[in-house]
Amino acid sequence: MTLDAWFAANTSSWCDRTLAELLEAKSARGLTVSLVVPARNEAATVGDVVSRVRTALTETNDLLDEVVVIDSDSTDDTYAVAEDAGAKVYRSAEIRPDLGSFPGKGEAMWKAQFVTTGDVLVFMDADLLDWDTHFVPGLLGPLLTRPEIALVKGFYERPLADGSEAGRLNEGGAYEGGRVTELVARPLLNLLFPELAGLVQPLAGEWAVRRNLFENLRVPTGYAVETAALIDTLRLRGVDAIAQVDLGTRAHRHQSLRDLGGMATQILVAALERAGLETGSGSVSGEGTVLRQFLPVDGVATAADRFVPRAERPPAAKYLS
């Protein structure tokens, strides 16, 4: 299948399927669905995410069977706010303590497999601002109606949270996937895994996956979880098992370039290792890499070394009975 043919066959919109159609498909196939929200210091937004989803998709119908928040070492009130909003809340470090704990989004998502029950897992970021509850049924559409689909990525227009048009350099700028996507992930996938070049936003935090696939994937503990999931799904199931859905609009906030440098390093390590390429001598251990950055100190460029975690969890199936 050509890239254009894959795009035409496996790209859809959230509004292509009605909620009634999805409920019927879910019931006919006997599937259960868990929404997982990994969160770290997101007390300001996680409550709204949980309460709106529960009202729309668990209290008025049974599209979702559970809403689970995995608190990843928060130092604010994320746990209490999520619990008050009606989610099942777990601290990542307290799930399977016999397996240890790492900081990071990927770790929270990997640990979620031990406390959720759904045949399908839907992941949503906890920092959503401009969004709507159709994100969830939109992601579920291909999984509930097409048995051959195993993983679904969301994509959306990405205006800045302040409503400005900053970063939109041309008419198509609204679908830019962010600086790490456009400068690192997209070129990397095009060069090393061209079958994945049709994905509009490969790093989007809104995606869904069948449990029987996710539990057989290696999961980086940090920000490379989305990249690794795509590459490993490509190898295990083929590109035809991947679909993407236009979810409309989601506002985003800019992070500092130095923080994005750490994210980009994790993505590079995961992709290069999966391509069988060496990642250099920067590794200080099997769990991390040193990224040298520079800061001005009294007008002088001064090295500032950042430790970038690079640990990966083995497939959860190894520990699931």
C-alpha atoms as a PDB file:
ATOM      1  CA  MET A   1       0.000   0.000   0.000  1.00  0.00           C
ATOM      2  CA  THR A   2       1.356   3.421  -0.925  1.00  0.00           C
ATOM      3  CA  LEU A   3       1.571   6.234   1.609  1.00  0.00           C
ATOM      4  CA  ASP A   4      -1.262   8.110  -0.092  1.00  0.00           C
ATOM      5  CA  ALA A   5      -3.429   5.000  -0.167  1.00  0.00           C
ATOM      6  CA  TRP A   6      -2.802   4.390   3.542  1.00  0.00           C
ATOM      7  CA  PHE A   7      -3.699   8.008   4.321  1.00  0.00           C
ATOM      8  CA  ALA A   8      -6.949   7.789   2.390  1.00  0.00           C
ATOM      9  CA  ALA A   9      -7.968   4.471   3.966  1.00  0.00           C
ATOM     10  CA  ASN A  10      -6.892   5.089   7.556  1.00  0.00           C
ATOM     11  CA  THR A  11      -7.545   8.796   8.165  1.00  0.00           C
ATOM     12  CA  SER A  12     -10.948   9.894   9.383  1.00  0.00           C
ATOM     13  CA  SER A  13     -12.702  12.618  11.384  1.00  0.00           C
ATOM     14  CA  TRP A  14     -14.219  12.404  14.846  1.00  0.00           C
ATOM     15  CA  CYS A  15     -17.621  13.235  13.354  1.00  0.00           C
ATOM     16  CA  ASP A  16     -17.630  10.349  10.859  1.00  0.00           C
ATOM     17  CA  ARG A  17     -19.293   8.021  13.376  1.00  0.00           C
ATOM     18  CA  THR A  18     -22.184   8.794  15.699  1.00  0.00           C
ATOM     19  CA  LEU A  19     -22.109   7.961  19.376  1.00  0.00           C
ATOM     20  CA  ALA A  20     -25.003   5.557  18.847  1.00  0.00           C
ATOM     21  CA  GLU A  21     -22.993   3.689  16.201  1.00  0.00           C
ATOM     22  CA  LEU A  22     -20.013   3.409  18.532  1.00  0.00           C
ATOM     23  CA  LEU A  23     -22.128   2.142  21.425  1.00  0.00           C
ATOM     24  CA  GLU A  24     -23.678  -0.465  19.147  1.00  0.00           C
ATOM     25  CA  ALA A  25     -20.252  -1.576  17.866  1.00  0.00           C
ATOM     26  CA  LYS A  26     -18.851  -1.743  21.386  1.00  0.00           C
ATOM     27  CA  SER A  27     -21.750  -3.884  22.570  1.00  0.00           C
ATOM     28  CA  ALA A  28     -21.663  -6.156  19.510  1.00  0.00           C
ATOM     29  CA  ARG A  29     -17.968  -6.903  20.032  1.00  0.00           C
ATOM     30  CA  GLY A  30     -18.224  -7.194  23.817  1.00  0.00           C
ATOM     31  CA  LEU A  31     -15.435  -4.681  24.402  1.00  0.00           C
ATOM     32  CA  THR A  32     -14.642  -2.641  27.494  1.00  0.00           C
ATOM     33  CA  VAL A  33     -12.843   0.713  27.456  1.00  0.00           C
ATOM     34  CA  SER A  34     -10.592   2.442  29.985  1.00  0.00           C
ATOM     35  CA  LEU A  35      -9.660   6.115  29.764  1.00  0.00           C
ATOM     36  CA  VAL A  36      -6.182   6.704  31.201  1.00  0.00           C
ATOM     37  CA  VAL A  37      -4.984  10.201  32.095  1.00  0.00           C
ATOM     38  CA  PRO A  38      -1.299  10.362  33.071  1.00  0.00           C
ATOM     39  CA  ALA A  39      -0.789  13.502  35.148  1.00  0.00           C
ATOM     40  CA  ARG A  40       2.032  15.311  36.890  1.00  0.00           C
ATOM     41  CA  ASN A  41       1.303  18.605  38.651  1.00  0.00           C
ATOM     42  CA  GLU A  42      -1.859  19.235  36.632  1.00  0.00           C
ATOM     43  CA  ALA A  43      -4.212  20.197  39.460  1.00  0.00           C
ATOM     44  CA  ALA A  44      -5.389  23.228  37.474  1.00  0.00           C
ATOM     45  CA  THR A  45      -6.808  21.181  34.590  1.00  0.00           C
ATOM     46  CA  VAL A  46      -7.158  17.493  35.497  1.00  0.00           C
ATOM     47  CA  GLY A  47     -10.433  17.984  37.373  1.00  0.00           C
ATOM     48  CA  ASP A  48     -12.119  19.514  34.333  1.00  0.00           C
ATOM     49  CA  VAL A  49     -10.839  16.717  32.082  1.00  0.00           C
ATOM     50  CA  VAL A  50     -12.172  14.012  34.398  1.00  0.00           C
ATOM     51  CA  SER A  51     -15.517  15.583  35.261  1.00  0.00           C
ATOM     52  CA  ARG A  52     -16.441  16.483  31.677  1.00  0.00           C
ATOM     53  CA  VAL A  53     -15.567  13.048  30.351  1.00  0.00           C
ATOM     54  CA  ARG A  54     -17.412  11.251  33.136  1.00  0.00           C
ATOM     55  CA  THR A  55     -20.539  13.364  32.636  1.00  0.00           C
ATOM     56  CA  ALA A  56     -20.586  12.881  28.875  1.00  0.00           C
ATOM     57  CA  LEU A  57     -19.338   9.307  28.490  1.00  0.00           C
ATOM     58  CA  THR A  58     -19.965   7.317  31.670  1.00  0.00           C
ATOM     59  CA  GLU A  59     -22.980   8.865  33.405  1.00  0.00           C
ATOM     60  CA  THR A  60     -25.191   9.403  30.346  1.00  0.00           C
ATOM     61  CA  ASN A  61     -24.014   6.311  28.440  1.00  0.00           C
ATOM     62  CA  ASP A  62     -21.514   3.501  28.868  1.00  0.00           C
ATOM     63  CA  LEU A  63     -18.943   4.276  26.196  1.00  0.00           C
ATOM     64  CA  LEU A  64     -16.294   4.369  28.951  1.00  0.00           C
ATOM     65  CA  ASP A  65     -16.179   1.685  31.607  1.00  0.00           C
ATOM     66  CA  GLU A  66     -13.685   3.504  33.819  1.00  0.00           C
ATOM     67  CA  VAL A  67     -11.744   6.763  34.072  1.00  0.00           C
ATOM     68  CA  VAL A  68      -8.302   6.323  35.624  1.00  0.00           C
ATOM     69  CA  VAL A  69      -5.742   8.982  36.522  1.00  0.00           C
ATOM     70  CA  ILE A  70      -2.150   7.902  37.087  1.00  0.00           C
ATOM     71  CA  ASP A  71      -0.430  10.492  39.272  1.00  0.00           C
ATOM     72  CA  SER A  72       3.232  10.646  38.278  1.00  0.00           C
ATOM     73  CA  ASP A  73       5.039  12.029  41.338  1.00  0.00           C
ATOM     74  CA  SER A  74       2.958  15.210  41.583  1.00  0.00           C
ATOM     75  CA  THR A  75       3.864  17.769  44.227  1.00  0.00           C
ATOM     76  CA  ASP A  76       0.592  19.692  43.933  1.00  0.00           C
ATOM     77  CA  ASP A  77      -3.051  18.626  44.520  1.00  0.00           C
ATOM     78  CA  THR A  78      -3.407  16.589  41.308  1.00  0.00           C
ATOM     79  CA  TYR A  79      -4.342  13.407  43.205  1.00  0.00           C
ATOM     80  CA  ALA A  80      -7.037  15.035  45.349  1.00  0.00           C
ATOM     81  CA  VAL A  81      -8.514  17.082  42.496  1.00  0.00           C
ATOM     82  CA  ALA A  82      -8.760  14.050  40.202  1.00  0.00           C
ATOM     83  CA  GLU A  83     -10.298  11.937  42.961  1.00  0.00           C
ATOM     84  CA  ASP A  84     -12.863  14.635  43.806  1.00  0.00           C
ATOM     85  CA  ALA A  85     -13.806  14.773  40.112  1.00  0.00           C
ATOM     86  CA  GLY A  86     -14.690  11.066  40.198  1.00  0.00           C
ATOM     87  CA  ALA A  87     -11.668   9.310  38.718  1.00  0.00           C
ATOM     88  CA  LYS A  88      -9.981   6.218  40.052  1.00  0.00           C
ATOM     89  CA  VAL A  89      -6.609   7.657  41.033  1.00  0.00           C
ATOM     90  CA  TYR A  90      -3.348   5.787  41.559  1.00  0.00           C
ATOM     91  CA  ARG A  91       0.131   7.004  42.350  1.00  0.00           C
ATOM     92  CA  SER A  92       2.465   5.575  39.751  1.00  0.00           C
ATOM     93  CA  ALA A  93       5.157   4.739  42.300  1.00  0.00           C
ATOM     94  CA  GLU A  94       2.672   2.699  44.351  1.00  0.00           C
ATOM     95  CA  ILE A  95       1.561   0.447  41.465  1.00  0.00           C
ATOM     96  CA  ARG A  96       3.521  -2.804  41.499  1.00  0.00           C
ATOM     97  CA  PRO A  97       6.191  -1.425  43.854  1.00  0.00           C
ATOM     98  CA  ASP A  98       8.044  -4.722  43.434  1.00  0.00           C
ATOM     99  CA  LEU A  99       8.906  -3.569  39.905  1.00  0.00           C
ATOM    100  CA  GLY A 100      10.372  -0.267  41.072  1.00  0.00           C
ATOM    101  CA  SER A 101       9.468   3.157  39.750  1.00  0.00           C
ATOM    102  CA  PHE A 102      10.764   5.699  37.250  1.00  0.00           C
ATOM    103  CA  PRO A 103       9.692   9.299  36.721  1.00  0.00           C
ATOM    104  CA  GLY A 104       7.955  10.063  33.459  1.00  0.00           C
ATOM    105  CA  LYS A 105       4.816   9.929  31.355  1.00  0.00           C
ATOM    106  CA  GLY A 106       5.654   6.590  29.751  1.00  0.00           C
ATOM    107  CA  GLU A 107       6.108   4.990  33.164  1.00  0.00           C
ATOM    108  CA  ALA A 108       2.641   6.152  34.222  1.00  0.00           C
ATOM    109  CA  MET A 109       1.115   4.731  31.050  1.00  0.00           C
ATOM    110  CA  TRP A 110       2.958   1.418  31.446  1.00  0.00           C
ATOM    111  CA  LYS A 111       1.884   1.127  35.090  1.00  0.00           C
ATOM    112  CA  ALA A 112      -1.730   1.800  34.063  1.00  0.00           C
ATOM    113  CA  GLN A 113      -1.886  -1.682  32.575  1.00  0.00           C
ATOM    114  CA  PHE A 114      -1.813  -3.174  36.082  1.00  0.00           C
ATOM    115  CA  VAL A 115      -4.795  -1.188  37.434  1.00  0.00           C
ATOM    116  CA  THR A 116      -7.130  -0.925  34.436  1.00  0.00           C
ATOM    117  CA  THR A 117      -9.485  -3.519  33.005  1.00  0.00           C
ATOM    118  CA  GLY A 118     -10.435  -2.265  29.526  1.00  0.00           C
ATOM    119  CA  ASP A 119      -9.846  -4.215  26.324  1.00  0.00           C
ATOM    120  CA  VAL A 120      -9.089  -0.810  24.804  1.00  0.00           C
ATOM    121  CA  LEU A 121      -7.025   1.920  26.479  1.00  0.00           C
ATOM    122  CA  VAL A 122      -7.578   5.567  25.558  1.00  0.00           C
ATOM    123  CA  PHE A 123      -4.844   8.008  26.610  1.00  0.00           C
ATOM    124  CA  MET A 124      -5.459  11.716  27.123  1.00  0.00           C
ATOM    125  CA  ASP A 125      -3.121  14.358  28.489  1.00  0.00           C
ATOM    126  CA  ALA A 126      -4.177  16.057  31.713  1.00  0.00           C
ATOM    127  CA  ASP A 127      -3.305  19.605  30.602  1.00  0.00           C
ATOM    128  CA  LEU A 128      -6.080  20.003  28.011  1.00  0.00           C
ATOM    129  CA  LEU A 129      -7.399  23.546  27.639  1.00  0.00           C
ATOM    130  CA  ASP A 130      -9.334  24.051  24.386  1.00  0.00           C
ATOM    131  CA  TRP A 131     -10.933  20.646  23.793  1.00  0.00           C
ATOM    132  CA  ASP A 132     -14.196  18.720  23.947  1.00  0.00           C
ATOM    133  CA  THR A 133     -15.328  15.268  25.032  1.00  0.00           C
ATOM    134  CA  HIS A 134     -15.640  14.129  21.395  1.00  0.00           C
ATOM    135  CA  PHE A 135     -11.886  13.435  21.593  1.00  0.00           C
ATOM    136  CA  VAL A 136     -12.655  10.088  23.245  1.00  0.00           C
ATOM    137  CA  PRO A 137     -15.307   8.688  20.859  1.00  0.00           C
ATOM    138  CA  GLY A 138     -13.261  10.087  17.991  1.00  0.00           C
ATOM    139  CA  LEU A 139     -10.256   7.975  18.987  1.00  0.00           C
ATOM    140  CA  LEU A 140     -12.416   4.934  19.664  1.00  0.00           C
ATOM    141  CA  GLY A 141     -14.170   5.013  16.291  1.00  0.00           C
ATOM    142  CA  PRO A 142     -11.667   2.984  14.244  1.00  0.00           C
ATOM    143  CA  LEU A 143     -10.979   0.544  17.091  1.00  0.00           C
ATOM    144  CA  LEU A 144     -14.632  -0.248  17.743  1.00  0.00           C
ATOM    145  CA  THR A 145     -15.650  -0.540  14.102  1.00  0.00           C
ATOM    146  CA  ARG A 146     -12.559  -1.993  12.402  1.00  0.00           C
ATOM    147  CA  PRO A 147     -11.110  -5.119  14.042  1.00  0.00           C
ATOM    148  CA  GLU A 148      -7.885  -4.859  12.030  1.00  0.00           C
ATOM    149  CA  ILE A 149      -6.991  -1.498  13.613  1.00  0.00           C
ATOM    150  CA  ALA A 150      -4.861  -1.800  16.768  1.00  0.00           C
ATOM    151  CA  LEU A 151      -3.648   1.757  17.424  1.00  0.00           C
ATOM    152  CA  VAL A 152      -5.243   5.142  16.709  1.00  0.00           C
ATOM    153  CA  LYS A 153      -3.520   8.526  16.858  1.00  0.00           C
ATOM    154  CA  GLY A 154      -5.334  11.822  17.191  1.00  0.00           C
ATOM    155  CA  PHE A 155      -4.422  15.038  15.409  1.00  0.00           C
ATOM    156  CA  TYR A 156      -5.824  18.552  15.595  1.00  0.00           C
ATOM    157  CA  GLU A 157      -5.269  22.197  14.863  1.00  0.00           C
ATOM    158  CA  ARG A 158      -2.936  23.593  17.511  1.00  0.00           C
ATOM    159  CA  PRO A 159      -3.464  27.313  18.236  1.00  0.00           C
ATOM    160  CA  LEU A 160      -1.506  28.674  21.175  1.00  0.00           C
ATOM    161  CA  ALA A 161      -3.369  28.767  24.483  1.00  0.00           C
ATOM    162  CA  ASP A 162      -3.450  32.593  24.389  1.00  0.00           C
ATOM    163  CA  GLY A 163      -5.330  32.489  21.091  1.00  0.00           C
ATOM    164  CA  SER A 164      -2.494  33.989  19.062  1.00  0.00           C
ATOM    165  CA  GLU A 165      -1.388  32.818  15.667  1.00  0.00           C
ATOM    166  CA  ALA A 166       2.293  32.657  16.619  1.00  0.00           C
ATOM    167  CA  GLY A 167       4.107  29.931  14.748  1.00  0.00           C
ATOM    168  CA  ARG A 168       1.652  29.751  11.860  1.00  0.00           C
ATOM    169  CA  LEU A 169       4.004  30.556   9.022  1.00  0.00           C
ATOM    170  CA  ASN A 170       1.630  29.594   6.235  1.00  0.00           C
ATOM    171  CA  GLU A 171      -1.932  28.516   5.590  1.00  0.00           C
ATOM    172  CA  GLY A 172      -1.182  24.949   6.646  1.00  0.00           C
ATOM    173  CA  GLY A 173       0.580  25.935   9.872  1.00  0.00           C
ATOM    174  CA  ALA A 174      -2.407  25.033  12.020  1.00  0.00           C
ATOM    175  CA  TYR A 175      -1.521  21.359  11.723  1.00  0.00           C
ATOM    176  CA  GLU A 176       2.090  21.798  12.713  1.00  0.00           C
ATOM    177  CA  GLY A 177       2.721  19.237  15.426  1.00  0.00           C
ATOM    178  CA  GLY A 178       4.923  21.353  17.657  1.00  0.00           C
ATOM    179  CA  ARG A 179       8.625  22.144  17.566  1.00  0.00           C
ATOM    180  CA  VAL A 180       9.849  18.690  18.582  1.00  0.00           C
ATOM    181  CA  THR A 181       7.550  17.063  16.038  1.00  0.00           C
ATOM    182  CA  GLU A 182       8.500  19.291  13.111  1.00  0.00           C
ATOM    183  CA  LEU A 183      12.234  19.529  13.837  1.00  0.00           C
ATOM    184  CA  VAL A 184      12.934  16.037  15.207  1.00  0.00           C
ATOM    185  CA  ALA A 185      10.210  13.403  15.114  1.00  0.00           C
ATOM    186  CA  ARG A 186       8.804  13.998  11.632  1.00  0.00           C
ATOM    187  CA  PRO A 187      12.180  14.123   9.824  1.00  0.00           C
ATOM    188  CA  LEU A 188      13.335  11.110  11.842  1.00  0.00           C
ATOM    189  CA  LEU A 189      10.309   8.981  10.956  1.00  0.00           C
ATOM    190  CA  ASN A 190      10.449  10.044   7.297  1.00  0.00           C
ATOM    191  CA  LEU A 191      14.092   8.999   7.078  1.00  0.00           C
ATOM    192  CA  LEU A 192      14.117   5.817   9.163  1.00  0.00           C
ATOM    193  CA  PHE A 193      10.502   4.590   9.131  1.00  0.00           C
ATOM    194  CA  PRO A 194       8.937   6.095   5.983  1.00  0.00           C
ATOM    195  CA  GLU A 195       5.800   3.962   6.339  1.00  0.00           C
ATOM    196  CA  LEU A 196       4.893   6.281   9.267  1.00  0.00           C
ATOM    197  CA  ALA A 197       5.349   9.499   7.275  1.00  0.00           C
ATOM    198  CA  GLY A 198       1.588   9.830   6.780  1.00  0.00           C
ATOM    199  CA  LEU A 199       0.921  10.564  10.445  1.00  0.00           C
ATOM    200  CA  VAL A 200      -0.117  14.183  10.904  1.00  0.00           C
ATOM    201  CA  GLN A 201       0.967  14.473  14.554  1.00  0.00           C
ATOM    202  CA  PRO A 202       2.949  11.407  15.633  1.00  0.00           C
ATOM    203  CA  LEU A 203       3.651  12.818  19.115  1.00  0.00           C
ATOM    204  CA  ALA A 204       0.049  13.702  19.975  1.00  0.00           C
ATOM    205  CA  GLY A 205      -0.794  12.703  23.544  1.00  0.00           C
ATOM    206  CA  GLU A 206      -4.326  11.688  22.599  1.00  0.00           C
ATOM    207  CA  TRP A 207      -4.313   8.136  21.262  1.00  0.00           C
ATOM    208  CA  ALA A 208      -5.899   4.739  21.823  1.00  0.00           C
ATOM    209  CA  VAL A 209      -4.644   1.170  21.635  1.00  0.00           C
ATOM    210  CA  ARG A 210      -5.872  -2.367  22.101  1.00  0.00           C
ATOM    211  CA  ARG A 211      -4.622  -3.857  25.347  1.00  0.00           C
ATOM    212  CA  ASN A 212      -3.456  -7.028  23.623  1.00  0.00           C
ATOM    213  CA  LEU A 213      -1.073  -4.879  21.589  1.00  0.00           C
ATOM    214  CA  PHE A 214       0.070  -2.415  24.253  1.00  0.00           C
ATOM    215  CA  GLU A 215       0.952  -5.146  26.740  1.00  0.00           C
ATOM    216  CA  ASN A 216       3.379  -6.553  24.169  1.00  0.00           C
ATOM    217  CA  LEU A 217       5.207  -3.267  23.522  1.00  0.00           C
ATOM    218  CA  ARG A 218       8.382  -2.011  25.137  1.00  0.00           C
ATOM    219  CA  VAL A 219       7.581   1.323  26.751  1.00  0.00           C
ATOM    220  CA  PRO A 220      10.101   4.146  27.290  1.00  0.00           C
ATOM    221  CA  THR A 221       9.493   5.673  30.709  1.00  0.00           C
ATOM    222  CA  GLY A 222       9.652   9.278  29.469  1.00  0.00           C
ATOM    223  CA  TYR A 223       8.440  11.263  26.462  1.00  0.00           C
ATOM    224  CA  ALA A 224       9.378   8.746  23.766  1.00  0.00           C
ATOM    225  CA  VAL A 225       6.400   6.509  24.529  1.00  0.00           C
ATOM    226  CA  GLU A 226       4.378   7.684  21.505  1.00  0.00           C
ATOM    227  CA  THR A 227       7.289   7.325  19.092  1.00  0.00           C
ATOM    228  CA  ALA A 228       8.181   3.864  20.348  1.00  0.00           C
ATOM    229  CA  ALA A 229       4.564   2.678  20.225  1.00  0.00           C
ATOM    230  CA  LEU A 230       4.248   3.667  16.570  1.00  0.00           C
ATOM    231  CA  ILE A 231       7.503   2.045  15.492  1.00  0.00           C
ATOM    232  CA  ASP A 232       6.884  -1.148  17.451  1.00  0.00           C
ATOM    233  CA  THR A 233       3.292  -1.411  16.198  1.00  0.00           C
ATOM    234  CA  LEU A 234       4.572  -0.994  12.648  1.00  0.00           C
ATOM    235  CA  ARG A 235       6.923  -3.918  13.174  1.00  0.00           C
ATOM    236  CA  LEU A 236       4.483  -6.167  15.031  1.00  0.00           C
ATOM    237  CA  ARG A 237       1.257  -5.500  13.110  1.00  0.00           C
ATOM    238  CA  GLY A 238       2.173  -3.441  10.041  1.00  0.00           C
ATOM    239  CA  VAL A 239       1.151   0.079   9.080  1.00  0.00           C
ATOM    240  CA  ASP A 240      -2.366  -1.069   8.158  1.00  0.00           C
ATOM    241  CA  ALA A 241      -3.028  -1.639  11.882  1.00  0.00           C
ATOM    242  CA  ILE A 242      -2.538   2.099  12.553  1.00  0.00           C
ATOM    243  CA  ALA A 243      -5.194   4.766  11.955  1.00  0.00           C
ATOM    244  CA  GLN A 244      -5.511   8.475  12.735  1.00  0.00           C
ATOM    245  CA  VAL A 245      -8.451  10.736  13.504  1.00  0.00           C
ATOM    246  CA  ASP A 246      -8.902  14.487  13.107  1.00  0.00           C
ATOM    247  CA  LEU A 247     -10.123  15.676  16.521  1.00  0.00           C
ATOM    248  CA  GLY A 248     -10.651  19.324  15.607  1.00  0.00           C
ATOM    249  CA  THR A 249      -8.790  21.805  17.811  1.00  0.00           C
ATOM    250  CA  ARG A 250      -6.621  21.623  20.881  1.00  0.00           C
ATOM    251  CA  ALA A 251      -4.852  24.649  22.365  1.00  0.00           C
ATOM    252  CA  HIS A 252      -1.285  24.176  23.531  1.00  0.00           C
ATOM    253  CA  ARG A 253       1.319  25.991  25.586  1.00  0.00           C
ATOM    254  CA  HIS A 254       4.916  26.544  24.602  1.00  0.00           C
ATOM    255  CA  GLN A 255       7.590  24.878  26.694  1.00  0.00           C
ATOM    256  CA  SER A 256      11.129  26.174  27.018  1.00  0.00           C
ATOM    257  CA  LEU A 257      13.552  25.128  24.304  1.00  0.00           C
ATOM    258  CA  ARG A 258      15.895  23.599  26.885  1.00  0.00           C
ATOM    259  CA  ASP A 259      13.104  21.355  28.178  1.00  0.00           C
ATOM    260  CA  LEU A 260      12.221  20.419  24.620  1.00  0.00           C
ATOM    261  CA  GLY A 261      15.866  19.462  24.104  1.00  0.00           C
ATOM    262  CA  GLY A 262      15.461  16.746  26.722  1.00  0.00           C
ATOM    263  CA  MET A 263      12.273  15.491  25.083  1.00  0.00           C
ATOM    264  CA  ALA A 264      13.938  15.445  21.671  1.00  0.00           C
ATOM    265  CA  THR A 265      16.876  13.456  23.057  1.00  0.00           C
ATOM    266  CA  GLN A 266      14.556  10.746  24.398  1.00  0.00           C
ATOM    267  CA  ILE A 267      12.754  10.504  21.059  1.00  0.00           C
ATOM    268  CA  LEU A 268      16.024  10.304  19.137  1.00  0.00           C
ATOM    269  CA  VAL A 269      17.349   7.541  21.399  1.00  0.00           C
ATOM    270  CA  ALA A 270      14.174   5.437  21.064  1.00  0.00           C
ATOM    271  CA  ALA A 271      13.984   5.802  17.282  1.00  0.00           C
ATOM    272  CA  LEU A 272      17.689   5.328  16.570  1.00  0.00           C
ATOM    273  CA  GLU A 273      17.932   2.232  18.752  1.00  0.00           C
ATOM    274  CA  ARG A 274      14.890   0.742  17.020  1.00  0.00           C
ATOM    275  CA  ALA A 275      16.585   1.424  13.701  1.00  0.00           C
ATOM    276  CA  GLY A 276      19.637  -0.484  14.901  1.00  0.00           C
ATOM    277  CA  LEU A 277      21.822   2.615  15.056  1.00  0.00           C
ATOM    278  CA  GLU A 278      24.282   3.553  17.786  1.00  0.00           C
ATOM    279  CA  THR A 279      23.365   6.504  20.000  1.00  0.00           C
ATOM    280  CA  GLY A 280      26.923   7.536  20.859  1.00  0.00           C
ATOM    281  CA  SER A 281      28.909   7.557  24.083  1.00  0.00           C
ATOM    282  CA  GLY A 282      26.717  10.060  25.900  1.00  0.00           C
ATOM    283  CA  SER A 283      25.053   7.359  27.962  1.00  0.00           C
ATOM    284  CA  VAL A 284      26.154   7.495  31.571  1.00  0.00           C
ATOM    285  CA  SER A 285      24.207   4.342  32.384  1.00  0.00           C
ATOM    286  CA  GLY A 286      21.532   2.135  30.920  1.00  0.00           C
ATOM    287  CA  GLU A 287      18.964   4.545  32.360  1.00  0.00           C
ATOM    288  CA  GLY A 288      20.119   7.939  31.165  1.00  0.00           C
ATOM    289  CA  THR A 289      22.082  10.203  28.847  1.00  0.00           C
ATOM    290  CA  VAL A 290      23.807  13.514  29.529  1.00  0.00           C
ATOM    291  CA  LEU A 291      22.699  16.353  27.264  1.00  0.00           C
ATOM    292  CA  ARG A 292      25.094  19.296  27.348  1.00  0.00           C
ATOM    293  CA  GLN A 293      23.361  22.651  27.018  1.00  0.00           C
ATOM    294  CA  PHE A 294      24.650  26.178  27.627  1.00  0.00           C
ATOM    295  CA  LEU A 295      23.481  29.068  29.795  1.00  0.00           C
ATOM    296  CA  PRO A 296      24.823  32.629  30.052  1.00  0.00           C
ATOM    297  CA  VAL A 297      26.508  33.212  33.411  1.00  0.00           C
ATOM    298  CA  ASP A 298      27.884  36.731  33.879  1.00  0.00           C
ATOM    299  CA  GLY A 299      27.960  37.116  30.134  1.00  0.00           C
ATOM    300  CA  VAL A 300      29.888  33.897  29.591  1.00  0.00           C
ATOM    301  CA  ALA A 301      28.553  30.766  27.884  1.00  0.00           C
ATOM    302  CA  THR A 302      28.570  28.123  30.617  1.00  0.00           C
ATOM    303  CA  ALA A 303      27.906  24.420  30.200  1.00  0.00           C
ATOM    304  CA  ALA A 304      24.822  23.067  31.937  1.00  0.00           C
ATOM    305  CA  ASP A 305      24.532  19.289  31.801  1.00  0.00           C
ATOM    306  CA  ARG A 306      21.030  17.819  31.814  1.00  0.00           C
ATOM    307  CA  PHE A 307      20.428  14.190  32.750  1.00  0.00           C
ATOM    308  CA  VAL A 308      17.919  12.734  30.301  1.00  0.00           C
ATOM    309  CA  PRO A 309      16.312   9.436  31.397  1.00  0.00           C
ATOM    310  CA  ARG A 310      16.302   6.757  28.723  1.00  0.00           C
ATOM    311  CA  ALA A 311      15.004   3.707  30.557  1.00  0.00           C
ATOM    312  CA  GLU A 312      12.460   1.397  28.913  1.00  0.00           C
ATOM    313  CA  ARG A 313      10.012  -1.019  30.463  1.00  0.00           C
ATOM    314  CA  PRO A 314       9.690  -4.505  28.971  1.00  0.00           C
ATOM    315  CA  PRO A 315       6.304  -5.637  27.668  1.00  0.00           C
ATOM    316  CA  ALA A 316       3.852  -5.680  30.572  1.00  0.00           C
ATOM    317  CA  ALA A 317       2.657  -9.137  29.452  1.00  0.00           C
ATOM    318  CA  LYS A 318       5.771 -10.470  31.151  1.00  0.00           C
ATOM    319  CA  TYR A 319       4.231  -9.549  34.532  1.00  0.00           C
ATOM    320  CA  LEU A 320       0.526  -9.983  33.850  1.00  0.00           C
ATOM    321  CA  SER A 321      -1.022 -13.300  34.773  1.00  0.00           C
END
